[in-house]
């Protein structure tokens, strides 16, 4: 039986993936004993003996490819390691495709002749690694893009990387203070990066020009679901419908249709606010008529970054707070609202749009229903979730983007949340956060990044059978 027929049968049989029926128990819940792997303790990095992570008993790790180190092709590794996916490589190895969320017109890394925009410093790197984090091959795979935050793996063997910006020579400067007149191209797009070849540096313009964060592919419909992290303003949940199914063409074609989610019967429903236990909504989709706006008169960045989303909201699209990580599992798109929810007693509301400490949503592609899986009851339980992935057991791995002591947390199918790893703070590297978690083939190694100026990657292994992952 081929993959598409199997997935169709699973959906028809009511296999909804993890968390089905768990929303009532999980929303506003706290950590529960027994779901995780036990208390965390400092563990030395096998690369150099330094303590960078706190992990449960029995787990080990190795860091690799830090910012500034040379790739195996000789070029320097940029910083701000971010979203990432793992693919099966030759002879038991893993192929990682990793984002670098570099903003501003700082110049492209790698070969300038291949850059989408020679002035832009973001992009992706592709690495071949062992299960214990030894790098066999590494180098740039897409350069000249900007603020590559997250993305998503595609089942035909590519990574979709997302630009979390709308910078360009036609837009005013953003929060970073960089000079957009130095840019040669418009930014704010998604790009496809094959695992076995360099990317073509071809933006998929019909998938929108907005603050893209993540991408998740639904193999039954051929739709690519997209999240938006518009920090200071309302964000939207989108889907891109390519002109041909990528499973047949082996690529994502431009020229399709971009749509934005709306709650049926409730125009501009504010889903960034705190939700009742078991919240669930019927949804519809509104078309975005101009997904790739070009601006005249150099509008402010604040105006430009809302241009696509405003088209949807003018038709009743729902409001979210900072949509970040997204992942597909058995016909369900799980995605994170980083600052969604109510402000808990004792917590300070974060800056930007949204006053909570995080929500996890699930969109069921076959039923067209949106349901809340989890809402953080406070920062001590879950603090600003960002990138996500699924584990071999169907649990979610949540990368935190909080202020004090960032964690990797697990959310099990039963709605139990637990701590798996804590980042050891590094002097002079404030703002460091977990990003890009992804299990390698076979589920024996969890690869994850630290997104910061001194970014690096980790391979983590251990007795996974003991707990929720």
Protein backbone atom coordinates (compact mmCIF):
# COMPACT_ATOMS: atom_id res chain seq x y z
CA UNK A 1 0.00 0.00 0.00
CA UNK A 2 1.43 3.39 -0.93
CA UNK A 3 1.79 6.28 1.53
CA UNK A 4 -1.15 8.30 0.24
CA UNK A 5 -3.58 5.35 0.39
CA UNK A 6 -2.42 4.49 3.92
CA UNK A 7 -2.95 8.06 5.15
CA UNK A 8 -6.37 8.22 3.53
CA UNK A 9 -7.35 4.98 5.28
CA UNK A 10 -6.06 6.26 8.61
CA UNK A 11 -8.12 9.43 8.37
CA UNK A 12 -11.24 7.52 7.32
CA UNK A 13 -10.81 5.23 10.33
CA UNK A 14 -10.64 8.23 12.66
CA UNK A 15 -6.92 8.09 13.46
CA UNK A 16 -6.44 11.69 14.56
CA UNK A 17 -2.89 11.54 15.85
CA UNK A 18 -1.83 12.58 19.34
CA UNK A 19 -3.92 14.56 21.83
CA UNK A 20 -7.33 13.45 20.55
CA UNK A 21 -9.74 14.09 23.41
CA UNK A 22 -6.93 15.39 25.61
CA UNK A 23 -7.70 19.09 25.30
CA UNK A 24 -9.99 19.28 28.31
CA UNK A 25 -7.40 17.64 30.54
CA UNK A 26 -4.45 19.60 29.17
CA UNK A 27 -5.72 23.16 28.95
CA UNK A 28 -4.64 25.13 32.01
CA UNK A 29 -3.01 22.00 33.39
CA UNK A 30 0.39 21.78 35.04
CA UNK A 31 3.31 19.36 34.94
CA UNK A 32 2.40 15.83 35.97
CA UNK A 33 4.77 13.30 37.52
CA UNK A 34 5.67 10.19 35.59
CA UNK A 35 5.46 11.58 32.07
CA UNK A 36 9.11 12.55 31.72
CA UNK A 37 12.53 11.09 32.41
CA UNK A 38 13.24 12.32 35.92
CA UNK A 39 15.12 15.30 37.35
CA UNK A 40 17.62 17.23 35.25
CA UNK A 41 21.29 17.44 36.13
CA UNK A 42 24.33 19.09 34.51
CA UNK A 43 25.92 16.91 31.83
CA UNK A 44 29.28 17.49 30.15
CA UNK A 45 29.46 18.01 26.41
CA UNK A 46 31.42 15.14 24.81
CA UNK A 47 32.99 17.62 22.39
CA UNK A 48 35.01 19.52 25.00
CA UNK A 49 33.82 18.66 28.52
CA UNK A 50 31.90 21.89 29.10
CA UNK A 51 28.43 21.81 30.65
CA UNK A 52 25.96 23.24 28.16
CA UNK A 53 22.85 21.19 28.92
CA UNK A 54 21.04 19.78 31.94
CA UNK A 55 19.49 16.40 31.08
CA UNK A 56 17.88 13.41 32.83
CA UNK A 57 20.01 10.54 34.08
CA UNK A 58 21.38 8.33 31.30
CA UNK A 59 21.35 10.94 28.52
CA UNK A 60 24.44 12.27 26.76
CA UNK A 61 25.14 14.77 24.01
CA UNK A 62 27.74 16.29 21.72
CA UNK A 63 27.67 19.84 20.33
CA UNK A 64 28.86 20.52 16.80
CA UNK A 65 29.33 23.20 14.13
CA UNK A 66 29.35 26.33 16.32
CA UNK A 67 29.18 29.80 14.79
CA UNK A 68 32.54 30.86 13.35
CA UNK A 69 33.82 27.32 12.79
CA UNK A 70 34.65 26.47 9.21
CA UNK A 71 32.28 24.26 7.26
CA UNK A 72 34.02 21.33 5.60
CA UNK A 73 33.94 23.34 2.35
CA UNK A 74 36.14 25.95 4.08
CA UNK A 75 33.60 28.77 4.43
CA UNK A 76 32.69 30.12 7.90
CA UNK A 77 29.54 29.02 9.73
CA UNK A 78 27.15 31.92 10.41
CA UNK A 79 25.43 32.26 13.78
CA UNK A 80 21.81 32.21 14.89
CA UNK A 81 21.18 28.51 14.20
CA UNK A 82 17.40 28.08 14.04
CA UNK A 83 14.81 25.76 12.44
CA UNK A 84 16.05 22.38 11.19
CA UNK A 85 14.96 19.01 9.81
CA UNK A 86 16.62 15.60 9.68
CA UNK A 87 16.60 13.22 6.71
CA UNK A 88 18.00 9.72 6.21
CA UNK A 89 21.54 9.81 4.87
CA UNK A 90 23.83 7.11 3.41
CA UNK A 91 25.33 4.35 5.57
CA UNK A 92 23.38 5.15 8.74
CA UNK A 93 24.13 8.88 8.73
CA UNK A 94 21.72 11.81 8.99
CA UNK A 95 21.33 14.77 6.64
CA UNK A 96 20.44 17.98 8.50
CA UNK A 97 19.20 21.12 6.78
CA UNK A 98 19.47 24.07 9.19
CA UNK A 99 18.36 27.69 9.08
CA UNK A 100 20.45 30.71 10.07
CA UNK A 101 18.23 33.59 11.22
CA UNK A 102 20.58 36.45 10.32
CA UNK A 103 18.90 39.81 9.75
CA UNK A 104 20.05 43.03 8.13
CA UNK A 105 22.08 43.82 4.99
CA UNK A 106 25.29 42.32 6.40
CA UNK A 107 26.39 40.46 3.27
CA UNK A 108 25.76 36.88 2.20
CA UNK A 109 27.78 33.96 3.53
CA UNK A 110 29.17 31.35 1.15
CA UNK A 111 29.52 31.85 -2.61
CA UNK A 112 28.12 35.27 -3.55
CA UNK A 113 27.45 34.13 -7.12
CA UNK A 114 24.70 31.78 -5.85
CA UNK A 115 23.07 34.26 -3.44
CA UNK A 116 19.45 35.31 -3.87
CA UNK A 117 20.46 38.74 -2.56
CA UNK A 118 24.23 39.29 -2.07
CA UNK A 119 23.52 41.85 0.67
CA UNK A 120 21.46 39.52 2.91
CA UNK A 121 23.17 37.36 5.55
CA UNK A 122 20.68 34.55 6.22
CA UNK A 123 20.13 31.17 4.60
CA UNK A 124 20.57 27.46 5.23
CA UNK A 125 23.37 24.98 5.77
CA UNK A 126 23.30 21.27 4.96
CA UNK A 127 25.29 18.83 7.09
CA UNK A 128 25.90 15.09 7.02
CA UNK A 129 26.38 13.88 10.61
CA UNK A 130 26.58 10.69 12.61
CA UNK A 131 24.10 9.70 15.31
CA UNK A 132 26.48 11.05 17.97
CA UNK A 133 27.00 14.44 16.35
CA UNK A 134 30.22 14.02 14.38
CA UNK A 135 30.20 16.16 11.24
CA UNK A 136 31.25 14.39 8.05
CA UNK A 137 30.30 17.08 5.52
CA UNK A 138 28.90 20.59 5.78
CA UNK A 139 28.40 23.76 3.79
CA UNK A 140 25.94 26.44 2.67
CA UNK A 141 22.89 25.25 0.72
CA UNK A 142 20.95 28.55 0.37
CA UNK A 143 22.41 32.02 0.85
CA UNK A 144 21.39 35.63 0.37
CA UNK A 145 18.07 35.29 2.18
CA UNK A 146 17.17 37.02 5.42
CA UNK A 147 15.94 36.09 8.89
CA UNK A 148 15.41 32.40 8.08
CA UNK A 149 13.50 31.39 11.17
CA UNK A 150 11.86 27.99 10.83
CA UNK A 151 10.29 26.00 8.01
CA UNK A 152 9.37 22.36 7.52
CA UNK A 153 10.51 19.07 5.99
CA UNK A 154 8.84 17.86 2.81
CA UNK A 155 8.37 14.09 2.21
CA UNK A 156 9.90 14.18 -1.29
CA UNK A 157 13.25 15.18 0.24
CA UNK A 158 13.51 18.91 0.75
CA UNK A 159 13.33 21.56 3.44
CA UNK A 160 11.15 24.65 3.13
CA UNK A 161 12.88 27.62 4.78
CA UNK A 162 10.90 30.71 5.77
CA UNK A 163 11.93 34.36 5.88
CA UNK A 164 10.50 36.09 8.96
CA UNK A 165 10.63 39.59 7.48
CA UNK A 166 9.33 41.76 4.63
CA UNK A 167 12.53 43.77 4.24
CA UNK A 168 13.53 44.99 0.82
CA UNK A 169 14.53 48.16 -1.03
CA UNK A 170 10.82 49.09 -1.27
CA UNK A 171 10.21 49.03 2.52
CA UNK A 172 11.36 51.19 5.43
CA UNK A 173 13.92 49.86 7.90
CA UNK A 174 12.85 47.33 10.54
CA UNK A 175 13.62 47.02 14.26
CA UNK A 176 17.24 46.00 13.61
CA UNK A 177 18.17 49.44 12.25
CA UNK A 178 19.69 48.03 9.07
CA UNK A 179 19.65 50.05 5.86
CA UNK A 180 17.14 48.44 3.50
CA UNK A 181 18.37 50.51 0.57
CA UNK A 182 21.39 48.20 0.48
CA UNK A 183 19.18 45.20 -0.30
CA UNK A 184 18.77 44.25 -3.95
CA UNK A 185 15.72 41.98 -3.65
CA UNK A 186 12.39 41.84 -1.85
CA UNK A 187 12.24 39.47 1.11
CA UNK A 188 9.48 37.75 3.06
CA UNK A 189 9.17 34.48 1.12
CA UNK A 190 9.54 30.73 1.44
CA UNK A 191 12.28 28.85 -0.44
CA UNK A 192 12.68 25.15 -1.12
CA UNK A 193 16.05 23.52 -0.34
CA UNK A 194 16.58 19.96 -1.72
CA UNK A 195 18.64 17.72 0.54
CA UNK A 196 20.75 16.43 -2.34
CA UNK A 197 21.48 19.69 -4.19
CA UNK A 198 21.99 23.39 -3.65
CA UNK A 199 18.80 25.43 -3.61
CA UNK A 200 17.90 27.40 -6.71
CA UNK A 201 17.37 30.62 -4.69
CA UNK A 202 13.89 30.82 -6.22
CA UNK A 203 11.28 32.36 -3.90
CA UNK A 204 7.75 30.96 -4.05
CA UNK A 205 6.08 34.33 -4.31
CA UNK A 206 2.48 33.11 -4.45
CA UNK A 207 2.93 31.63 -0.96
CA UNK A 208 2.99 35.18 0.36
CA UNK A 209 5.28 37.98 1.40
CA UNK A 210 4.88 38.22 5.16
CA UNK A 211 6.72 37.31 8.38
CA UNK A 212 6.83 33.58 7.65
CA UNK A 213 7.79 31.21 10.46
CA UNK A 214 7.02 27.52 9.74
CA UNK A 215 5.67 25.25 7.01
CA UNK A 216 3.87 21.90 7.35
CA UNK A 217 2.78 19.75 4.39
CA UNK A 218 -0.47 17.78 4.24
CA UNK A 219 0.07 14.84 1.84
CA UNK A 220 -3.64 14.18 1.27
CA UNK A 221 -4.55 17.62 -0.04
CA UNK A 222 -1.12 18.79 -1.20
CA UNK A 223 -1.55 21.97 0.87
CA UNK A 224 1.31 23.64 2.71
CA UNK A 225 0.24 25.21 6.01
CA UNK A 226 2.15 28.34 7.00
CA UNK A 227 2.48 30.22 10.28
CA UNK A 228 3.15 33.93 10.71
CA UNK A 229 5.15 35.47 13.56
CA UNK A 230 4.24 39.14 13.40
CA UNK A 231 5.67 40.15 16.76
CA UNK A 232 3.98 43.51 17.37
CA UNK A 233 0.72 42.81 15.53
CA UNK A 234 -1.87 40.09 15.02
CA UNK A 235 -0.65 37.02 13.12
CA UNK A 236 -2.52 34.63 10.82
CA UNK A 237 -2.62 30.92 10.00
CA UNK A 238 -2.35 30.32 6.24
CA UNK A 239 -2.33 27.57 3.67
CA UNK A 240 -0.75 27.61 0.23
CA UNK A 241 -2.40 25.50 -2.49
CA UNK A 242 0.20 24.88 -5.22
CA UNK A 243 -0.99 24.54 -8.83
CA UNK A 244 0.07 20.86 -8.78
CA UNK A 245 0.43 18.37 -5.94
CA UNK A 246 4.09 18.42 -4.86
CA UNK A 247 4.00 14.67 -4.19
CA UNK A 248 3.56 14.18 -7.93
CA UNK A 249 5.87 16.94 -9.17
CA UNK A 250 8.54 16.49 -6.47
CA UNK A 251 8.68 20.23 -5.84
CA UNK A 252 6.57 23.21 -4.78
CA UNK A 253 5.48 25.21 -7.81
CA UNK A 254 4.76 28.92 -7.76
CA UNK A 255 1.49 30.32 -9.08
CA UNK A 256 -0.87 28.74 -6.54
CA UNK A 257 -3.43 30.20 -4.14
CA UNK A 258 -2.81 31.63 -0.64
CA UNK A 259 -5.58 31.47 1.94
CA UNK A 260 -6.03 32.52 5.58
CA UNK A 261 -8.02 30.79 8.32
CA UNK A 262 -11.24 32.31 9.67
CA UNK A 263 -13.61 30.97 12.33
CA UNK A 264 -16.97 30.17 10.78
CA UNK A 265 -19.66 32.55 12.01
CA UNK A 266 -17.22 34.65 14.09
CA UNK A 267 -15.42 37.25 11.93
CA UNK A 268 -12.02 38.32 13.29
CA UNK A 269 -12.25 35.90 16.19
CA UNK A 270 -9.44 36.78 18.63
CA UNK A 271 -7.81 33.42 19.36
CA UNK A 272 -4.81 35.06 21.01
CA UNK A 273 -6.86 35.52 24.18
CA UNK A 274 -7.28 32.92 26.90
CA UNK A 275 -9.48 30.03 25.79
CA UNK A 276 -11.97 27.82 27.67
CA UNK A 277 -11.08 24.18 28.26
CA UNK A 278 -11.87 22.08 25.19
CA UNK A 279 -12.16 25.11 22.88
CA UNK A 280 -12.97 23.99 19.33
CA UNK A 281 -14.04 25.90 16.23
CA UNK A 282 -15.35 25.20 12.74
CA UNK A 283 -13.25 27.14 10.26
CA UNK A 284 -13.30 28.39 6.71
CA UNK A 285 -10.62 29.88 4.47
CA UNK A 286 -10.50 33.28 2.77
CA UNK A 287 -8.44 34.03 -0.34
CA UNK A 288 -5.54 36.51 -0.34
CA UNK A 289 -5.85 38.39 -3.63
CA UNK A 290 -2.39 40.02 -3.58
CA UNK A 291 -0.01 37.63 -1.79
CA UNK A 292 3.14 39.35 -3.09
CA UNK A 293 2.72 43.09 -2.63
CA UNK A 294 5.28 45.52 -4.01
CA UNK A 295 5.29 48.88 -2.29
CA UNK A 296 5.72 52.38 -3.60
CA UNK A 297 6.73 55.37 -1.56
CA UNK A 298 8.73 53.19 0.85
CA UNK A 299 6.09 52.61 3.54
CA UNK A 300 7.10 51.97 7.12
CA UNK A 301 8.03 48.40 7.98
CA UNK A 302 5.04 48.28 10.35
CA UNK A 303 2.67 48.98 7.44
CA UNK A 304 4.37 46.57 5.04
CA UNK A 305 4.54 43.65 7.47
CA UNK A 306 0.76 43.76 7.97
CA UNK A 307 -0.18 44.13 4.30
CA UNK A 308 -0.91 40.48 3.50
CA UNK A 309 -2.56 39.69 6.83
CA UNK A 310 -4.77 42.78 6.57
CA UNK A 311 -6.26 41.40 3.36
CA UNK A 312 -7.37 38.31 5.26
CA UNK A 313 -8.59 40.17 8.32
CA UNK A 314 -10.65 42.50 6.11
CA UNK A 315 -12.53 39.33 5.14
CA UNK A 316 -12.90 38.10 8.74
CA UNK A 317 -9.73 36.04 9.26
CA UNK A 318 -8.92 35.02 12.83
CA UNK A 319 -6.34 36.78 15.02
CA UNK A 320 -3.53 34.83 16.66
CA UNK A 321 -0.48 35.82 18.68
CA UNK A 322 2.91 35.02 17.19
CA UNK A 323 2.39 31.72 15.38
CA UNK A 324 5.72 29.90 15.32
CA UNK A 325 6.41 26.15 15.14
CA UNK A 326 4.21 23.83 13.05
CA UNK A 327 4.28 20.11 12.29
CA UNK A 328 2.06 17.60 10.44
CA UNK A 329 1.10 14.29 12.07
CA UNK A 330 -1.58 11.91 10.77
CA UNK A 331 -3.71 14.55 9.11
CA UNK A 332 -3.39 17.09 11.92
CA UNK A 333 -1.36 20.31 11.75
CA UNK A 334 -0.08 21.19 15.23
CA UNK A 335 1.09 24.77 15.62
CA UNK A 336 2.21 27.04 18.42
CA UNK A 337 1.01 30.50 19.44
CA UNK A 338 4.02 31.74 21.39
CA UNK A 339 2.29 34.48 23.38
CA UNK A 340 -1.27 33.17 23.21
CA UNK A 341 -3.46 32.75 26.28
CA UNK A 342 -4.31 34.71 29.38
CA UNK A 343 -1.74 36.33 31.65
CA UNK A 344 -1.28 34.08 34.67
CA UNK A 345 -1.33 35.42 38.21
CA UNK A 346 2.23 36.40 39.09
CA UNK A 347 3.40 36.61 35.48
CA UNK A 348 4.29 39.81 33.65
CA UNK A 349 2.67 40.10 30.21
CA UNK A 350 5.29 39.80 27.46
CA UNK A 351 5.80 42.70 25.06
CA UNK A 352 4.28 42.49 21.62
CA UNK A 353 0.89 41.15 20.51
CA UNK A 354 -0.44 38.54 22.94
CA UNK A 355 -0.30 38.50 26.72
CA UNK A 356 -0.03 34.80 27.59
CA UNK A 357 2.77 32.25 27.83
CA UNK A 358 1.77 30.03 24.95
CA UNK A 359 -0.86 27.88 23.28
CA UNK A 360 -0.69 24.71 21.20
CA UNK A 361 -3.37 24.41 18.50
CA UNK A 362 -4.41 21.50 16.26
CA UNK A 363 -6.07 21.88 12.87
CA UNK A 364 -7.73 18.67 11.66
CA UNK A 365 -7.43 18.78 7.89
CA UNK A 366 -10.23 16.27 7.24
CA UNK A 367 -12.84 17.77 9.61
CA UNK A 368 -11.84 21.41 9.09
CA UNK A 369 -11.94 21.94 12.84
CA UNK A 370 -9.49 23.88 14.96
CA UNK A 371 -9.05 22.83 18.59
CA UNK A 372 -6.91 23.97 21.46
CA UNK A 373 -4.57 21.27 22.72
CA UNK A 374 -2.80 23.15 25.50
CA UNK A 375 -2.64 26.60 27.05
CA UNK A 376 0.18 27.46 29.42
CA UNK A 377 -1.02 28.13 32.98
CA UNK A 378 2.11 30.20 33.65
CA UNK A 379 5.75 30.71 32.79
CA UNK A 380 7.01 28.13 35.30
CA UNK A 381 5.18 25.39 33.40
CA UNK A 382 5.63 26.52 29.80
CA UNK A 383 7.28 29.80 28.83
CA UNK A 384 6.82 31.02 25.24
CA UNK A 385 6.99 27.83 23.11
CA UNK A 386 8.58 28.30 19.70
CA UNK A 387 9.74 25.49 17.35
CA UNK A 388 8.03 22.10 17.71
CA UNK A 389 8.39 18.57 16.41
CA UNK A 390 6.82 15.18 17.08
CA UNK A 391 8.59 12.30 18.81
CA UNK A 392 8.45 8.62 17.77
CA UNK A 393 5.70 8.12 20.38
CA UNK A 394 3.65 10.98 18.97
CA UNK A 395 4.42 13.48 21.73
CA UNK A 396 5.32 17.08 20.96
CA UNK A 397 8.77 18.52 21.67
CA UNK A 398 8.47 22.23 22.54
CA UNK A 399 11.45 24.59 22.28
CA UNK A 400 11.10 27.50 24.70
CA UNK A 401 11.85 31.13 23.89
CA UNK A 402 11.42 32.43 27.43
CA UNK A 403 13.47 34.69 29.64
CA UNK A 404 14.80 32.66 32.57
CA UNK A 405 16.35 29.22 32.04
CA UNK A 406 15.03 28.03 28.67
CA UNK A 407 13.83 24.45 28.49
CA UNK A 408 12.97 21.72 26.04
CA UNK A 409 9.59 20.46 27.22
CA UNK A 410 7.51 17.48 26.24
CA UNK A 411 3.74 17.36 25.80
CA UNK A 412 2.45 13.78 25.75
CA UNK A 413 -0.59 12.36 24.00
CA UNK A 414 -2.39 12.41 27.37
CA UNK A 415 -1.79 16.12 27.86
CA UNK A 416 1.06 15.71 30.35
CA UNK A 417 3.84 18.30 30.15
CA UNK A 418 7.37 17.59 31.40
CA UNK A 419 10.89 19.03 31.37
CA UNK A 420 13.47 17.26 29.22
CA UNK A 421 16.45 19.64 28.93
CA UNK A 422 17.55 22.99 30.32
CA UNK A 423 20.04 25.31 28.67
CA UNK A 424 23.03 26.34 30.78
CA UNK A 425 23.35 30.14 30.48
CA UNK A 426 26.52 31.42 28.82
CA UNK A 427 28.07 34.73 29.83
CA UNK A 428 27.87 37.27 27.03
CA UNK A 429 25.30 35.26 25.08
CA UNK A 430 22.02 36.64 26.39
CA UNK A 431 18.86 35.70 24.56
CA UNK A 432 20.03 32.20 23.69
CA UNK A 433 17.13 29.80 23.11
CA UNK A 434 16.40 26.27 21.93
CA UNK A 435 15.33 25.92 18.28
CA UNK A 436 15.06 23.41 15.47
CA UNK A 437 14.42 20.20 17.41
CA UNK A 438 14.15 17.16 15.13
CA UNK A 439 14.51 13.42 15.65
CA UNK A 440 16.89 11.63 13.32
CA UNK A 441 15.93 8.51 11.36
CA UNK A 442 14.93 5.71 13.72
CA UNK A 443 14.31 8.13 16.57
CA UNK A 444 17.55 7.36 18.42
CA UNK A 445 18.99 10.89 18.32
CA UNK A 446 17.33 14.23 18.96
CA UNK A 447 19.09 17.05 17.13
CA UNK A 448 18.48 20.59 18.36
CA UNK A 449 20.02 24.04 17.95
CA UNK A 450 20.82 27.02 20.13
CA UNK A 451 19.73 30.21 18.41
CA UNK A 452 22.06 33.03 19.41
CA UNK A 453 25.07 34.95 18.18
CA UNK A 454 27.17 32.03 19.47
CA UNK A 455 24.83 29.43 18.03
CA UNK A 456 25.61 25.73 17.74
CA UNK A 457 23.90 22.37 17.26
CA UNK A 458 23.49 19.34 19.55
CA UNK A 459 22.97 15.62 19.14
CA UNK A 460 21.25 14.09 22.21
CA UNK A 461 20.78 10.37 22.87
CA UNK A 462 19.79 8.11 25.73
CA UNK A 463 17.08 5.78 27.13
CA UNK A 464 14.10 7.21 25.23
CA UNK A 465 11.93 4.20 26.17
CA UNK A 466 11.81 5.38 29.81
CA UNK A 467 9.59 8.41 29.22
CA UNK A 468 7.18 10.36 27.06
CA UNK A 469 9.32 10.75 23.89
